[in-house]
Every structure is written in structure tokens, then in C-alpha cells.
């Protein structure tokens, strides 16, 4: 039992350390919802759904988002948990099909 607790703590610590909280917290997701940012939105969705390249910070952002989704942001700091909930809700409202495809892809790899 003690070993299980230690292993669990080590796994949670590894996930928390692997997240680039500042990158996710400071990413301007709002730009994706801006109608004038159609090219950015297409690039974002192509990257997240493995239908196109992930250039620059987008690859690192994707890696972080995948980890957040897998854990439902359970190991995230409180401010990131709220941001995750807000952004997920906005995606659900604006782009439900893309959100469903992404979540299905990520959760299938668990």
C-alpha cells in the first residue's frame, strides 16, 4: 500500500513538472475565436487534430494540452483549472465537432 502511494505521488509530480503552466496560462486562446483570425484557427485545429504541422510553440502547447486533457487538469494549479474550464466551455459552444474529435483522439490514447 505504501508503495502504491509513493508511485502515485511520483507520477503526479512528474505530470505536474512536465506541464509548462505559463505557456498554457498565457496562450491567447481568445485569438482562435476571433473571426478575423481564420488562418490561425485553421493552423491550430490542424495541429491539434494531427491534420497539419505544429509550428513553433504550437507543438509544445499541444503536448501540454494533451497532458491536461488526460488528467482533466487534476494536477493543474487552481488558476489553470479555471482557465481550462472556461476555454473548454468556449470550444464546446463555438467548435463542438473539433473539440469532440480532439478529446476522442487524446482520450483514446490514455
C-alpha atoms as a PDB file:
ATOM      1  CA  UNK A   1       0.000   0.000   0.000  1.00  0.00           C
ATOM      2  CA  UNK A   2       2.806   2.406   0.859  1.00  0.00           C
ATOM      3  CA  UNK A   3       4.498   1.612  -2.435  1.00  0.00           C
ATOM      4  CA  UNK A   4       1.297   2.410  -4.329  1.00  0.00           C
ATOM      5  CA  UNK A   5       1.045   5.795  -2.590  1.00  0.00           C
ATOM      6  CA  UNK A   6       4.670   6.613  -3.362  1.00  0.00           C
ATOM      7  CA  UNK A   7       4.305   5.599  -7.018  1.00  0.00           C
ATOM      8  CA  UNK A   8       1.121   7.662  -7.335  1.00  0.00           C
ATOM      9  CA  UNK A   9       2.815  10.717  -5.856  1.00  0.00           C
ATOM     10  CA  UNK A  10       5.804  10.318  -8.180  1.00  0.00           C
ATOM     11  CA  UNK A  11       3.524  10.050 -11.236  1.00  0.00           C
ATOM     12  CA  UNK A  12       1.526  13.132 -10.201  1.00  0.00           C
ATOM     13  CA  UNK A  13       4.729  15.071  -9.576  1.00  0.00           C
ATOM     14  CA  UNK A  14       6.117  14.058 -12.974  1.00  0.00           C
ATOM     15  CA  UNK A  15       2.949  15.193 -14.757  1.00  0.00           C
ATOM     16  CA  UNK A  16       2.898  18.480 -12.856  1.00  0.00           C
ATOM     17  CA  UNK A  17       6.571  19.124 -13.607  1.00  0.00           C
ATOM     18  CA  UNK A  18       6.154  18.291 -17.297  1.00  0.00           C
ATOM     19  CA  UNK A  19       3.464  20.930 -17.763  1.00  0.00           C
ATOM     20  CA  UNK A  20       4.565  24.335 -18.949  1.00  0.00           C
ATOM     21  CA  UNK A  21       1.914  26.136 -16.932  1.00  0.00           C
ATOM     22  CA  UNK A  22       2.982  29.598 -18.095  1.00  0.00           C
ATOM     23  CA  UNK A  23       2.751  28.627 -21.771  1.00  0.00           C
ATOM     24  CA  UNK A  24      -0.795  27.326 -21.395  1.00  0.00           C
ATOM     25  CA  UNK A  25      -1.882  30.047 -18.985  1.00  0.00           C
ATOM     26  CA  UNK A  26      -0.587  32.845 -21.218  1.00  0.00           C
ATOM     27  CA  UNK A  27      -1.558  31.446 -24.640  1.00  0.00           C
ATOM     28  CA  UNK A  28      -4.059  33.766 -26.278  1.00  0.00           C
ATOM     29  CA  UNK A  29      -6.809  31.231 -26.970  1.00  0.00           C
ATOM     30  CA  UNK A  30      -9.166  34.167 -27.474  1.00  0.00           C
ATOM     31  CA  UNK A  31      -7.493  34.780 -30.851  1.00  0.00           C
ATOM     32  CA  UNK A  32      -8.760  31.406 -32.061  1.00  0.00           C
ATOM     33  CA  UNK A  33     -12.333  32.621 -31.547  1.00  0.00           C
ATOM     34  CA  UNK A  34     -11.734  35.936 -33.360  1.00  0.00           C
ATOM     35  CA  UNK A  35     -13.421  35.768 -36.796  1.00  0.00           C
ATOM     36  CA  UNK A  36     -10.548  37.817 -38.243  1.00  0.00           C
ATOM     37  CA  UNK A  37      -8.071  35.083 -37.211  1.00  0.00           C
ATOM     38  CA  UNK A  38      -9.297  32.372 -39.595  1.00  0.00           C
ATOM     39  CA  UNK A  39      -5.767  31.307 -40.638  1.00  0.00           C
ATOM     40  CA  UNK A  40      -4.669  30.974 -37.005  1.00  0.00           C
ATOM     41  CA  UNK A  41      -7.754  28.918 -36.158  1.00  0.00           C
ATOM     42  CA  UNK A  42      -7.158  26.572 -39.109  1.00  0.00           C
ATOM     43  CA  UNK A  43      -3.483  26.152 -38.136  1.00  0.00           C
ATOM     44  CA  UNK A  44      -4.441  25.474 -34.506  1.00  0.00           C
ATOM     45  CA  UNK A  45      -7.064  22.845 -35.370  1.00  0.00           C
ATOM     46  CA  UNK A  46      -4.834  21.187 -37.988  1.00  0.00           C
ATOM     47  CA  UNK A  47      -2.063  20.834 -35.401  1.00  0.00           C
ATOM     48  CA  UNK A  48      -4.283  19.639 -32.569  1.00  0.00           C
ATOM     49  CA  UNK A  49      -6.044  17.066 -34.760  1.00  0.00           C
ATOM     50  CA  UNK A  50      -2.827  15.821 -36.429  1.00  0.00           C
ATOM     51  CA  UNK A  51      -4.012  17.084 -39.808  1.00  0.00           C
ATOM     52  CA  UNK A  52      -1.200  19.577 -40.316  1.00  0.00           C
ATOM     53  CA  UNK A  53       2.116  20.750 -38.925  1.00  0.00           C
ATOM     54  CA  UNK A  54       2.604  22.155 -35.446  1.00  0.00           C
ATOM     55  CA  UNK A  55       4.929  25.099 -35.898  1.00  0.00           C
ATOM     56  CA  UNK A  56       6.876  26.842 -33.140  1.00  0.00           C
ATOM     57  CA  UNK A  57       5.268  26.954 -29.723  1.00  0.00           C
ATOM     58  CA  UNK A  58       2.173  25.220 -31.078  1.00  0.00           C
ATOM     59  CA  UNK A  59       3.822  21.778 -30.730  1.00  0.00           C
ATOM     60  CA  UNK A  60       4.762  22.449 -27.115  1.00  0.00           C
ATOM     61  CA  UNK A  61       1.283  23.853 -26.457  1.00  0.00           C
ATOM     62  CA  UNK A  62      -0.270  20.719 -27.949  1.00  0.00           C
ATOM     63  CA  UNK A  63       1.872  18.450 -25.759  1.00  0.00           C
ATOM     64  CA  UNK A  64       0.800  20.387 -22.670  1.00  0.00           C
ATOM     65  CA  UNK A  65      -2.868  20.400 -23.635  1.00  0.00           C
ATOM     66  CA  UNK A  66      -2.797  16.648 -24.234  1.00  0.00           C
ATOM     67  CA  UNK A  67      -1.448  16.105 -20.706  1.00  0.00           C
ATOM     68  CA  UNK A  68      -4.052  18.474 -19.266  1.00  0.00           C
ATOM     69  CA  UNK A  69      -6.895  16.691 -21.055  1.00  0.00           C
ATOM     70  CA  UNK A  70      -5.663  13.240 -19.982  1.00  0.00           C
ATOM     71  CA  UNK A  71      -5.750  14.298 -16.334  1.00  0.00           C
ATOM     72  CA  UNK A  72      -8.769  16.611 -16.707  1.00  0.00           C
ATOM     73  CA  UNK A  73      -6.427  19.270 -15.342  1.00  0.00           C
ATOM     74  CA  UNK A  74      -6.446  17.480 -11.996  1.00  0.00           C
ATOM     75  CA  UNK A  75      -2.802  18.342 -11.281  1.00  0.00           C
ATOM     76  CA  UNK A  76      -3.057  21.902 -12.583  1.00  0.00           C
ATOM     77  CA  UNK A  77      -2.759  24.955 -10.362  1.00  0.00           C
ATOM     78  CA  UNK A  78      -6.160  26.437  -9.465  1.00  0.00           C
ATOM     79  CA  UNK A  79      -5.890  29.359 -11.903  1.00  0.00           C
ATOM     80  CA  UNK A  80      -5.121  26.972 -14.769  1.00  0.00           C
ATOM     81  CA  UNK A  81      -8.021  24.705 -13.804  1.00  0.00           C
ATOM     82  CA  UNK A  82     -10.398  27.657 -14.163  1.00  0.00           C
ATOM     83  CA  UNK A  83      -8.833  28.692 -17.478  1.00  0.00           C
ATOM     84  CA  UNK A  84      -9.127  25.098 -18.736  1.00  0.00           C
ATOM     85  CA  UNK A  85     -12.808  25.005 -17.788  1.00  0.00           C
ATOM     86  CA  UNK A  86     -13.508  28.386 -19.430  1.00  0.00           C
ATOM     87  CA  UNK A  87     -11.672  27.583 -22.665  1.00  0.00           C
ATOM     88  CA  UNK A  88     -13.218  24.100 -22.907  1.00  0.00           C
ATOM     89  CA  UNK A  89     -16.668  25.610 -22.475  1.00  0.00           C
ATOM     90  CA  UNK A  90     -15.950  28.193 -25.190  1.00  0.00           C
ATOM     91  CA  UNK A  91     -14.706  25.483 -27.589  1.00  0.00           C
ATOM     92  CA  UNK A  92     -17.813  23.418 -26.809  1.00  0.00           C
ATOM     93  CA  UNK A  93     -20.009  26.368 -27.746  1.00  0.00           C
ATOM     94  CA  UNK A  94     -18.087  27.586 -30.824  1.00  0.00           C
ATOM     95  CA  UNK A  95     -16.428  24.431 -32.222  1.00  0.00           C
ATOM     96  CA  UNK A  96     -18.109  21.344 -30.738  1.00  0.00           C
ATOM     97  CA  UNK A  97     -17.104  18.984 -33.570  1.00  0.00           C
ATOM     98  CA  UNK A  98     -13.425  19.896 -33.366  1.00  0.00           C
ATOM     99  CA  UNK A  99     -13.454  19.640 -29.571  1.00  0.00           C
ATOM    100  CA  UNK A 100     -15.117  16.227 -29.757  1.00  0.00           C
ATOM    101  CA  UNK A 101     -12.568  14.992 -32.312  1.00  0.00           C
ATOM    102  CA  UNK A 102      -9.645  16.242 -30.215  1.00  0.00           C
ATOM    103  CA  UNK A 103     -10.950  14.844 -26.939  1.00  0.00           C
ATOM    104  CA  UNK A 104     -11.724  11.491 -28.559  1.00  0.00           C
ATOM    105  CA  UNK A 105      -8.236  11.312 -30.057  1.00  0.00           C
ATOM    106  CA  UNK A 106      -6.499  12.209 -26.796  1.00  0.00           C
ATOM    107  CA  UNK A 107      -8.612  10.045 -24.529  1.00  0.00           C
ATOM    108  CA  UNK A 108      -8.288   7.040 -26.861  1.00  0.00           C
ATOM    109  CA  UNK A 109      -4.500   7.153 -26.249  1.00  0.00           C
ATOM    110  CA  UNK A 110      -4.815   7.009 -22.439  1.00  0.00           C
END
